[in-house]
């Protein structure tokens, strides 16, 4: 219950299904980073900062959803990757460099593709009535 409330506080995002929610959050980060690149090209500092804030919000939500206790090394690696992306977001604002955002976008596209392929493979092996967090590696959510 408290975790679901923290998701809503973090980004106005209410989780429904972890595998779908994660993909949606990846899309939000990618979109926000695209907006940051466009703002940099137009020399709009405020727009860049707003876009980076939205991306930070979504990455932080992804990070908070990781269930390290249950899924161990997999989530450790994702936590490291999300930390790296958060560092990139700081760099975008500090250096006003669209290449940092574009590199992060490429990384997220790659991660999203690999994640989708892995979920497809795992889904084929998991019974249809298994909870979705078994497939996705996130904490189960409770809608309040």
Protein backbone atom coordinates (compact mmCIF):
# COMPACT_ATOMS: atom_id res chain seq x y z
CA UNK A 1 0.00 0.00 0.00
CA UNK A 2 2.74 2.48 0.96
CA UNK A 3 4.77 1.48 -2.08
CA UNK A 4 1.86 2.18 -4.43
CA UNK A 5 1.42 5.58 -2.78
CA UNK A 6 5.11 6.36 -3.26
CA UNK A 7 4.77 5.55 -6.99
CA UNK A 8 1.93 8.01 -7.31
CA UNK A 9 3.95 10.62 -5.43
CA UNK A 10 7.05 10.04 -7.56
CA UNK A 11 5.55 10.54 -11.00
CA UNK A 12 1.80 10.58 -10.96
CA UNK A 13 2.16 7.05 -12.29
CA UNK A 14 -0.16 4.37 -10.92
CA UNK A 15 1.17 0.85 -11.49
CA UNK A 16 -1.15 -1.78 -12.87
CA UNK A 17 0.91 -4.61 -14.33
CA UNK A 18 4.67 -4.63 -13.65
CA UNK A 19 5.78 -5.86 -17.08
CA UNK A 20 3.64 -3.23 -18.84
CA UNK A 21 4.47 -0.50 -16.32
CA UNK A 22 8.21 -0.94 -16.76
CA UNK A 23 7.95 -0.63 -20.54
CA UNK A 24 5.78 2.46 -20.12
CA UNK A 25 8.34 4.02 -17.78
CA UNK A 26 11.14 3.28 -20.28
CA UNK A 27 9.07 5.05 -22.92
CA UNK A 28 8.54 8.02 -20.58
CA UNK A 29 12.30 8.35 -20.00
CA UNK A 30 13.07 8.03 -23.72
CA UNK A 31 10.45 10.66 -24.56
CA UNK A 32 11.69 13.04 -21.86
CA UNK A 33 15.28 12.66 -23.06
CA UNK A 34 14.14 13.41 -26.62
CA UNK A 35 12.48 16.55 -25.28
CA UNK A 36 15.74 17.47 -23.52
CA UNK A 37 17.68 17.12 -26.79
CA UNK A 38 15.16 19.36 -28.57
CA UNK A 39 15.34 21.94 -25.76
CA UNK A 40 19.14 21.96 -25.93
CA UNK A 41 18.97 22.47 -29.71
CA UNK A 42 16.65 25.47 -29.13
CA UNK A 43 18.84 26.72 -26.26
CA UNK A 44 15.90 26.50 -23.85
CA UNK A 45 17.44 25.84 -20.46
CA UNK A 46 14.15 25.69 -18.60
CA UNK A 47 12.69 23.17 -21.07
CA UNK A 48 15.81 21.04 -20.80
CA UNK A 49 15.62 21.07 -17.01
CA UNK A 50 11.91 20.13 -17.03
CA UNK A 51 12.59 17.24 -19.43
CA UNK A 52 15.52 15.99 -17.36
CA UNK A 53 13.36 16.21 -14.23
CA UNK A 54 10.67 14.03 -15.87
CA UNK A 55 13.31 11.50 -16.91
CA UNK A 56 14.80 11.51 -13.40
CA UNK A 57 11.36 10.94 -11.90
CA UNK A 58 10.71 7.90 -14.12
CA UNK A 59 14.18 6.36 -13.61
CA UNK A 60 13.82 6.83 -9.86
CA UNK A 61 10.46 5.06 -10.01
CA UNK A 62 12.06 2.17 -11.92
CA UNK A 63 14.84 2.01 -9.34
CA UNK A 64 12.41 1.97 -6.43
CA UNK A 65 10.51 -0.95 -8.00
CA UNK A 66 13.52 -3.27 -8.02
CA UNK A 67 13.25 -6.23 -5.65
CA UNK A 68 16.88 -7.02 -4.84
CA UNK A 69 16.02 -9.46 -2.05
CA UNK A 70 14.00 -11.73 -4.30
CA UNK A 71 15.81 -11.37 -7.63
CA UNK A 72 19.40 -10.74 -6.48
CA UNK A 73 22.08 -10.14 -9.09
CA UNK A 74 19.66 -9.28 -11.89
CA UNK A 75 18.28 -6.35 -9.93
CA UNK A 76 21.76 -5.38 -8.74
CA UNK A 77 22.77 -4.99 -12.38
CA UNK A 78 19.64 -2.99 -13.20
CA UNK A 79 20.23 -0.80 -10.14
CA UNK A 80 23.75 -0.07 -11.42
CA UNK A 81 22.39 0.73 -14.87
CA UNK A 82 19.69 3.04 -13.49
CA UNK A 83 22.36 4.74 -11.37
CA UNK A 84 24.46 5.26 -14.49
CA UNK A 85 21.48 6.78 -16.30
CA UNK A 86 20.82 9.10 -13.33
CA UNK A 87 24.44 10.23 -13.62
CA UNK A 88 23.88 10.92 -17.31
CA UNK A 89 20.86 13.05 -16.43
CA UNK A 90 23.00 15.18 -14.15
CA UNK A 91 25.53 15.48 -16.97
CA UNK A 92 22.89 16.64 -19.44
CA UNK A 93 22.03 19.60 -17.23
CA UNK A 94 25.61 20.30 -16.17
CA UNK A 95 27.16 20.19 -19.66
CA UNK A 96 24.07 21.08 -21.74
CA UNK A 97 25.18 18.26 -24.04
CA UNK A 98 22.64 16.50 -26.26
CA UNK A 99 25.07 13.62 -26.93
CA UNK A 100 24.75 12.49 -23.31
CA UNK A 101 20.97 12.35 -23.72
CA UNK A 102 21.25 10.54 -27.05
CA UNK A 103 23.61 7.95 -25.53
CA UNK A 104 21.13 7.38 -22.68
CA UNK A 105 18.28 7.02 -25.21
CA UNK A 106 20.25 4.36 -27.12
CA UNK A 107 21.00 2.53 -23.88
CA UNK A 108 17.32 2.56 -22.88
CA UNK A 109 16.18 1.37 -26.31
CA UNK A 110 18.62 -1.52 -26.08
CA UNK A 111 17.53 -2.34 -22.53
CA UNK A 112 13.87 -2.23 -23.52
CA UNK A 113 14.43 -4.58 -26.47
CA UNK A 114 16.45 -7.07 -24.40
CA UNK A 115 13.89 -6.93 -21.61
CA UNK A 116 11.03 -7.63 -24.01
CA UNK A 117 12.88 -10.61 -25.48
CA UNK A 118 13.66 -11.97 -22.01
CA UNK A 119 10.06 -11.57 -20.85
CA UNK A 120 8.92 -13.43 -23.97
CA UNK A 121 11.26 -16.33 -23.23
CA UNK A 122 10.35 -16.48 -19.54
CA UNK A 123 6.63 -16.17 -20.27
CA UNK A 124 6.81 -19.28 -22.43
CA UNK A 125 8.09 -21.25 -19.42
CA UNK A 126 5.86 -19.82 -16.68
CA UNK A 127 2.31 -21.05 -16.08
CA UNK A 128 -0.38 -18.67 -17.33
CA UNK A 129 -1.67 -18.03 -13.80
CA UNK A 130 1.74 -17.01 -12.35
CA UNK A 131 1.96 -13.49 -10.91
CA UNK A 132 3.51 -11.00 -13.34
CA UNK A 133 6.27 -10.03 -10.90
CA UNK A 134 7.70 -13.55 -11.32
CA UNK A 135 8.33 -12.67 -14.97
CA UNK A 136 9.38 -9.04 -14.54
CA UNK A 137 11.63 -9.07 -11.46
CA UNK A 138 9.82 -6.26 -9.68
CA UNK A 139 7.94 -6.09 -6.43
CA UNK A 140 4.28 -6.94 -6.68
CA UNK A 141 2.17 -3.80 -6.55
CA UNK A 142 -0.98 -3.05 -4.66
CA UNK A 143 -3.41 -0.54 -6.09
CA UNK A 144 -5.10 1.53 -3.45
